[in-house]
Amino acid sequence: MFKKMYLHLFNRVTDALRALEAGDPAQARALLIAAQQECEEMYLSGGET
């Protein structure tokens, strides 16, 4: 489960960095917030193993 969460988060951070490089900090912020929420949901759905 943690590997899946890590890879998901890594990809979202990469997307956010691209948004920053493109001059769109609002999009970067939205991507990071979504990634945080998605990983939290993955963790809660997967249990504490």
Protein backbone atom coordinates (compact mmCIF):
# COMPACT_ATOMS: atom_id res chain seq x y z
CA MET A 1 0.00 0.00 0.00
CA PHE A 2 2.74 2.49 0.89
CA LYS A 3 4.55 1.93 -2.40
CA LYS A 4 1.36 2.75 -4.30
CA MET A 5 0.83 5.87 -2.18
CA TYR A 6 4.44 6.96 -2.67
CA LEU A 7 4.32 6.55 -6.44
CA HIS A 8 1.00 8.41 -6.64
CA LEU A 9 2.30 11.26 -4.53
CA PHE A 10 5.59 11.41 -6.45
CA ASN A 11 3.72 11.73 -9.75
CA ARG A 12 1.44 14.44 -8.38
CA VAL A 13 4.40 16.42 -7.02
CA THR A 14 5.99 16.19 -10.47
CA ASP A 15 2.77 17.57 -11.98
CA ALA A 16 2.77 20.39 -9.42
CA LEU A 17 6.38 21.26 -10.23
CA ARG A 18 5.49 21.45 -13.92
CA ALA A 19 2.62 23.78 -13.09
CA LEU A 20 4.99 26.01 -11.13
CA GLU A 21 7.46 26.03 -13.98
CA ALA A 22 4.61 27.04 -16.31
CA GLY A 23 3.84 29.97 -14.00
CA ASP A 24 0.62 28.55 -12.54
CA PRO A 25 0.99 28.41 -8.75
CA ALA A 26 -2.77 28.07 -8.23
CA GLN A 27 -2.79 24.86 -10.28
CA ALA A 28 0.25 23.59 -8.40
CA ARG A 29 -1.50 24.24 -5.10
CA ALA A 30 -4.65 22.47 -6.28
CA LEU A 31 -2.64 19.45 -7.43
CA LEU A 32 -0.84 19.19 -4.09
CA ILE A 33 -4.06 19.48 -2.09
CA ALA A 34 -5.70 16.81 -4.27
CA ALA A 35 -2.68 14.55 -3.87
CA GLN A 36 -2.79 14.94 -0.10
CA GLN A 37 -6.50 14.07 -0.03
CA GLU A 38 -6.09 11.12 -2.40
CA CYS A 39 -3.23 9.62 -0.39
CA GLU A 40 -5.16 10.08 2.83
CA GLU A 41 -8.10 8.25 1.28
CA MET A 42 -5.79 5.47 0.07
CA TYR A 43 -4.41 5.11 3.57
CA LEU A 44 -7.81 5.07 5.23
CA SER A 45 -9.21 2.62 2.69
CA GLY A 46 -6.21 0.32 2.99
CA GLY A 47 -6.20 0.03 6.74
CA GLU A 48 -3.19 0.40 9.01
CA THR A 49 -1.01 -2.43 7.74
